[in-house]
Amino acid sequence: MSAIRQERRARAERLLVKLKVAYPRGLTLGLSSTNPFEYLVATVLATQCRDERVNKITPALFARYPDPAAFAAADYEALLPLVRPTGLGPTKARNLTAIGRLLLERHAGKVPATMAELTALPGVARKIANLVLADCHGIVEGVAVDTHVRRISKLLGLTDSTDAAKIERDLMDCLPRDAWRSWNNLMVEHGRQCCVAGAPRCTACPLVEDCPGGRELTAELERRDAAGAVLP
């Protein structure tokens, strides 16, 4: 094993301990649902949208469209206003009606339990498929890589890539398998509460000692403060 891989694995273990203490809520599900189909729909709606906003609109959505058959038969103009608050409304409305139809045609109305079958559904990439497999079927096949995971994992020095597939492979290599699912939730919490995009709170961060990106930014801020202090 290379020195880089060893160091990443050791750092990942330390980070997990600190993250679980800092964000116990990050180990729970953020999306509200009562069955695998509702969860699949919610994860599609959560693309580029906060879980809290999705949870606000899904009760009315599922009251009107409770199952794949209802979505498959949904009128686009009637469905669109219900999903529009989550952003990308036209795309999501079309994808959800197509998902309903394909679940009926290919899977007897059930949410499939393989990566290949899930990613064949419109609007379902590996991130969503990983979440559905883990949370609905108890199958942990990989790490769900979203914007928080992509940005913060690189700052933490666990990957040097910007490609989602490569990031996932790097994280699967350095994280213990029982942390693959929770890593996404922990990164979301950390990204919202501390490592905010464009305004990270490195001086208050519980991870800064194990974060190369945070140490670099903190050192730069200290250099700027020192330079400013000597100005006339």
Protein backbone atom coordinates (compact mmCIF):
# COMPACT_ATOMS: atom_id res chain seq x y z
CA MET A 1 0.00 0.00 0.00
CA SER A 2 1.34 3.43 -0.93
CA ALA A 3 2.18 6.02 1.70
CA ILE A 4 -0.54 8.31 0.34
CA ARG A 5 -3.21 5.63 0.70
CA GLN A 6 -2.05 4.81 4.22
CA GLU A 7 -2.10 8.46 5.25
CA ARG A 8 -5.56 9.01 3.75
CA ARG A 9 -6.97 6.00 5.57
CA ALA A 10 -5.50 7.12 8.88
CA ARG A 11 -6.81 10.65 8.39
CA ALA A 12 -10.26 9.35 7.41
CA GLU A 13 -10.48 7.36 10.65
CA ARG A 14 -9.64 10.45 12.72
CA LEU A 15 -12.09 12.59 10.77
CA LEU A 16 -14.93 10.13 11.26
CA VAL A 17 -14.50 10.18 15.02
CA LYS A 18 -14.66 13.99 15.09
CA LEU A 19 -17.53 14.24 12.61
CA LYS A 20 -19.75 11.80 14.48
CA VAL A 21 -19.25 13.79 17.68
CA ALA A 22 -19.88 17.13 15.97
CA TYR A 23 -22.88 16.04 13.87
CA PRO A 24 -24.84 13.18 15.42
CA ARG A 25 -27.83 14.35 13.34
CA GLY A 26 -25.73 13.68 10.25
CA LEU A 27 -26.13 9.97 10.86
CA THR A 28 -29.90 10.12 10.34
CA LEU A 29 -31.95 10.44 7.16
CA GLY A 30 -32.83 13.94 6.02
CA LEU A 31 -35.64 13.12 3.58
CA SER A 32 -39.10 12.14 4.80
CA SER A 33 -40.74 9.11 3.20
CA THR A 34 -42.86 6.10 4.12
CA ASN A 35 -41.78 3.62 1.45
CA PRO A 36 -39.02 3.05 -1.14
CA PHE A 37 -40.94 4.71 -3.97
CA GLU A 38 -41.51 7.89 -1.97
CA TYR A 39 -37.83 7.91 -1.05
CA LEU A 40 -36.79 7.53 -4.69
CA VAL A 41 -39.03 10.44 -5.68
CA ALA A 42 -37.70 12.55 -2.78
CA THR A 43 -34.08 11.93 -3.76
CA VAL A 44 -34.82 12.97 -7.34
CA LEU A 45 -36.46 16.15 -6.06
CA ALA A 46 -33.49 16.80 -3.74
CA THR A 47 -31.15 17.30 -6.70
CA GLN A 48 -29.82 20.86 -6.24
CA CYS A 49 -32.35 21.40 -3.45
CA ARG A 50 -32.19 21.21 0.34
CA ASP A 51 -33.88 18.29 2.05
CA GLU A 52 -35.96 20.65 4.17
CA ARG A 53 -37.58 22.21 1.11
CA VAL A 54 -38.28 18.79 -0.39
CA ASN A 55 -39.92 17.66 2.85
CA LYS A 56 -42.25 20.66 2.71
CA ILE A 57 -43.70 19.77 -0.68
CA THR A 58 -43.80 15.96 -0.59
CA PRO A 59 -46.87 15.53 1.69
CA ALA A 60 -49.11 17.28 -0.84
CA LEU A 61 -47.31 15.61 -3.75
CA PHE A 62 -47.75 12.08 -2.38
CA ALA A 63 -51.34 12.75 -1.35
CA ARG A 64 -52.11 13.40 -5.02
CA TYR A 65 -49.63 10.95 -6.56
CA PRO A 66 -49.13 8.07 -4.08
CA ASP A 67 -47.55 5.43 -6.32
CA PRO A 68 -45.83 4.76 -9.66
CA ALA A 69 -49.16 4.35 -11.46
CA ALA A 70 -50.30 7.79 -10.33
CA PHE A 71 -47.07 9.41 -11.50
CA ALA A 72 -47.17 7.53 -14.80
CA ALA A 73 -50.66 8.89 -15.45
CA ALA A 74 -49.91 12.38 -14.13
CA ASP A 75 -50.71 15.39 -16.26
CA TYR A 76 -47.52 17.42 -16.71
CA GLU A 77 -49.25 20.76 -16.18
CA ALA A 78 -50.81 19.51 -12.94
CA LEU A 79 -47.58 17.96 -11.63
CA LEU A 80 -45.26 20.85 -12.47
CA PRO A 81 -46.51 23.36 -9.85
CA LEU A 82 -46.09 20.77 -7.10
CA VAL A 83 -42.43 20.04 -7.88
CA ARG A 84 -41.37 23.50 -9.11
CA PRO A 85 -40.41 24.77 -5.59
CA THR A 86 -37.51 22.28 -5.57
CA GLY A 87 -35.95 23.83 -8.68
CA LEU A 88 -35.50 22.35 -12.15
CA GLY A 89 -39.26 21.82 -12.14
CA PRO A 90 -39.82 20.94 -15.82
CA THR A 91 -37.01 18.38 -15.86
CA LYS A 92 -38.03 16.80 -12.57
CA ALA A 93 -41.70 16.61 -13.56
CA ARG A 94 -40.86 14.84 -16.81
CA ASN A 95 -38.41 12.49 -15.10
CA LEU A 96 -40.89 11.52 -12.39
CA THR A 97 -43.64 10.64 -14.84
CA ALA A 98 -41.13 8.58 -16.83
CA ILE A 99 -39.89 6.86 -13.66
CA GLY A 100 -43.45 5.91 -12.75
CA ARG A 101 -44.02 4.46 -16.21
CA LEU A 102 -40.73 2.53 -16.28
CA LEU A 103 -41.26 1.08 -12.82
CA LEU A 104 -44.60 -0.29 -13.99
CA GLU A 105 -43.23 -1.59 -17.29
CA ARG A 106 -39.97 -3.12 -16.06
CA HIS A 107 -40.23 -3.72 -12.33
CA ALA A 108 -43.89 -4.46 -11.52
CA GLY A 109 -44.14 -1.08 -9.80
CA LYS A 110 -41.31 -1.82 -7.37
CA VAL A 111 -38.11 0.15 -6.79
CA PRO A 112 -35.26 -2.00 -8.17
CA ALA A 113 -32.38 -3.11 -5.98
CA THR A 114 -29.41 -2.95 -8.35
CA MET A 115 -27.20 -0.07 -9.40
CA ALA A 116 -27.68 -0.85 -13.10
CA GLU A 117 -31.47 -0.88 -12.91
CA LEU A 118 -31.67 2.28 -10.82
CA THR A 119 -29.29 4.31 -12.98
CA ALA A 120 -31.32 3.29 -16.04
CA LEU A 121 -34.16 5.44 -14.68
CA PRO A 122 -34.25 9.07 -15.89
CA GLY A 123 -32.78 11.55 -13.42
CA VAL A 124 -31.17 8.80 -11.32
CA ALA A 125 -27.37 8.95 -11.31
CA ARG A 126 -24.99 7.02 -9.03
CA LYS A 127 -25.47 9.45 -6.15
CA ILE A 128 -29.22 8.85 -5.98
CA ALA A 129 -28.83 5.14 -6.67
CA ASN A 130 -26.34 4.78 -3.80
CA LEU A 131 -28.77 6.46 -1.41
CA VAL A 132 -31.73 4.35 -2.53
CA LEU A 133 -29.77 1.10 -2.38
CA ALA A 134 -28.50 1.82 1.13
CA ASP A 135 -31.60 3.34 2.68
CA CYS A 136 -34.29 1.23 1.00
CA HIS A 137 -32.59 -2.10 0.41
CA GLY A 138 -29.73 -2.16 2.93
CA ILE A 139 -27.20 -2.49 0.11
CA VAL A 140 -24.10 -0.32 0.52
CA GLU A 141 -22.38 -0.35 -2.84
CA GLY A 142 -20.57 2.99 -2.82
CA VAL A 143 -20.40 6.58 -1.56
CA ALA A 144 -23.01 9.11 -2.66
CA VAL A 145 -21.04 12.04 -4.11
CA ASP A 146 -22.87 15.38 -4.14
CA THR A 147 -21.55 18.95 -4.14
CA HIS A 148 -20.73 18.86 -0.41
CA VAL A 149 -18.91 15.53 -0.64
CA ARG A 150 -17.03 16.65 -3.74
CA ARG A 151 -15.83 19.96 -2.30
CA ILE A 152 -15.10 19.03 1.31
CA SER A 153 -13.50 15.64 0.66
CA LYS A 154 -10.97 17.38 -1.55
CA LEU A 155 -10.25 20.03 1.11
CA LEU A 156 -9.76 17.22 3.62
CA GLY A 157 -7.16 15.65 1.37
CA LEU A 158 -9.07 12.41 0.82
CA THR A 159 -9.12 12.90 -2.95
CA ASP A 160 -7.37 15.13 -5.46
CA SER A 161 -9.99 14.72 -8.18
CA THR A 162 -12.99 16.78 -9.30
CA ASP A 163 -14.59 13.85 -11.14
CA ALA A 164 -17.47 12.25 -9.20
CA ALA A 165 -16.58 8.69 -10.21
CA LYS A 166 -12.92 9.11 -9.21
CA ILE A 167 -13.89 10.82 -5.95
CA GLU A 168 -16.18 7.92 -5.11
CA ARG A 169 -13.40 5.40 -5.76
CA ASP A 170 -10.96 7.39 -3.61
CA LEU A 171 -13.45 7.58 -0.74
CA MET A 172 -14.31 3.88 -0.99
CA ASP A 173 -10.60 3.17 -0.69
CA CYS A 174 -9.91 5.30 2.38
CA LEU A 175 -13.20 5.08 4.33
CA PRO A 176 -14.25 1.94 6.20
CA ARG A 177 -17.18 0.31 4.44
CA ASP A 178 -19.54 0.94 7.35
CA ALA A 179 -18.99 4.69 6.84
CA TRP A 180 -19.71 4.79 3.10
CA ARG A 181 -23.37 5.66 3.61
CA SER A 182 -22.98 8.09 6.50
CA TRP A 183 -20.18 10.06 4.82
CA ASN A 184 -22.67 11.88 2.59
CA ASN A 185 -24.84 12.98 5.50
CA LEU A 186 -21.83 14.05 7.54
CA MET A 187 -20.44 16.13 4.68
CA VAL A 188 -23.82 17.79 4.11
CA GLU A 189 -24.03 18.77 7.78
CA HIS A 190 -20.43 20.00 7.86
CA GLY A 191 -20.93 21.97 4.65
CA ARG A 192 -23.99 23.72 6.02
CA GLN A 193 -22.77 24.41 9.54
CA CYS A 194 -19.03 25.00 9.24
CA CYS A 195 -17.33 24.44 5.87
CA VAL A 196 -19.65 26.81 4.03
CA ALA A 197 -18.82 27.22 0.35
CA GLY A 198 -17.11 30.57 -0.16
CA ALA A 199 -17.04 31.34 3.57
CA PRO A 200 -15.54 28.41 5.50
CA ARG A 201 -15.26 28.87 9.27
CA CYS A 202 -11.87 27.21 9.56
CA THR A 203 -10.91 28.81 12.87
CA ALA A 204 -13.95 27.20 14.51
CA CYS A 205 -13.75 23.91 12.61
CA PRO A 206 -13.40 20.68 14.63
CA LEU A 207 -11.57 19.10 11.69
CA VAL A 208 -8.95 21.77 10.98
CA GLU A 209 -6.05 19.76 12.44
CA ASP A 210 -6.73 17.02 9.90
CA CYS A 211 -7.72 19.30 7.01
CA PRO A 212 -4.91 20.33 4.62
CA GLY A 213 -7.21 22.79 2.87
CA GLY A 214 -8.30 24.36 6.13
CA ARG A 215 -4.76 24.69 7.44
CA GLU A 216 -3.70 26.35 4.20
CA LEU A 217 -6.57 28.83 4.34
CA THR A 218 -5.98 29.58 8.02
CA ALA A 219 -2.28 30.20 7.36
CA GLU A 220 -3.15 32.54 4.50
CA LEU A 221 -5.53 34.53 6.71
CA GLU A 222 -2.84 34.80 9.39
CA ARG A 223 -0.35 36.07 6.79
CA ARG A 224 -2.85 38.69 5.63
CA ASP A 225 -3.53 39.79 9.20
CA ALA A 226 0.19 40.07 9.89
CA ALA A 227 0.76 42.06 6.72
CA GLY A 228 -2.10 44.37 7.57
CA ALA A 229 -0.79 44.93 11.08
CA VAL A 230 2.48 46.42 9.83
CA LEU A 231 0.88 48.77 7.36
CA PRO A 232 1.14 52.47 8.36
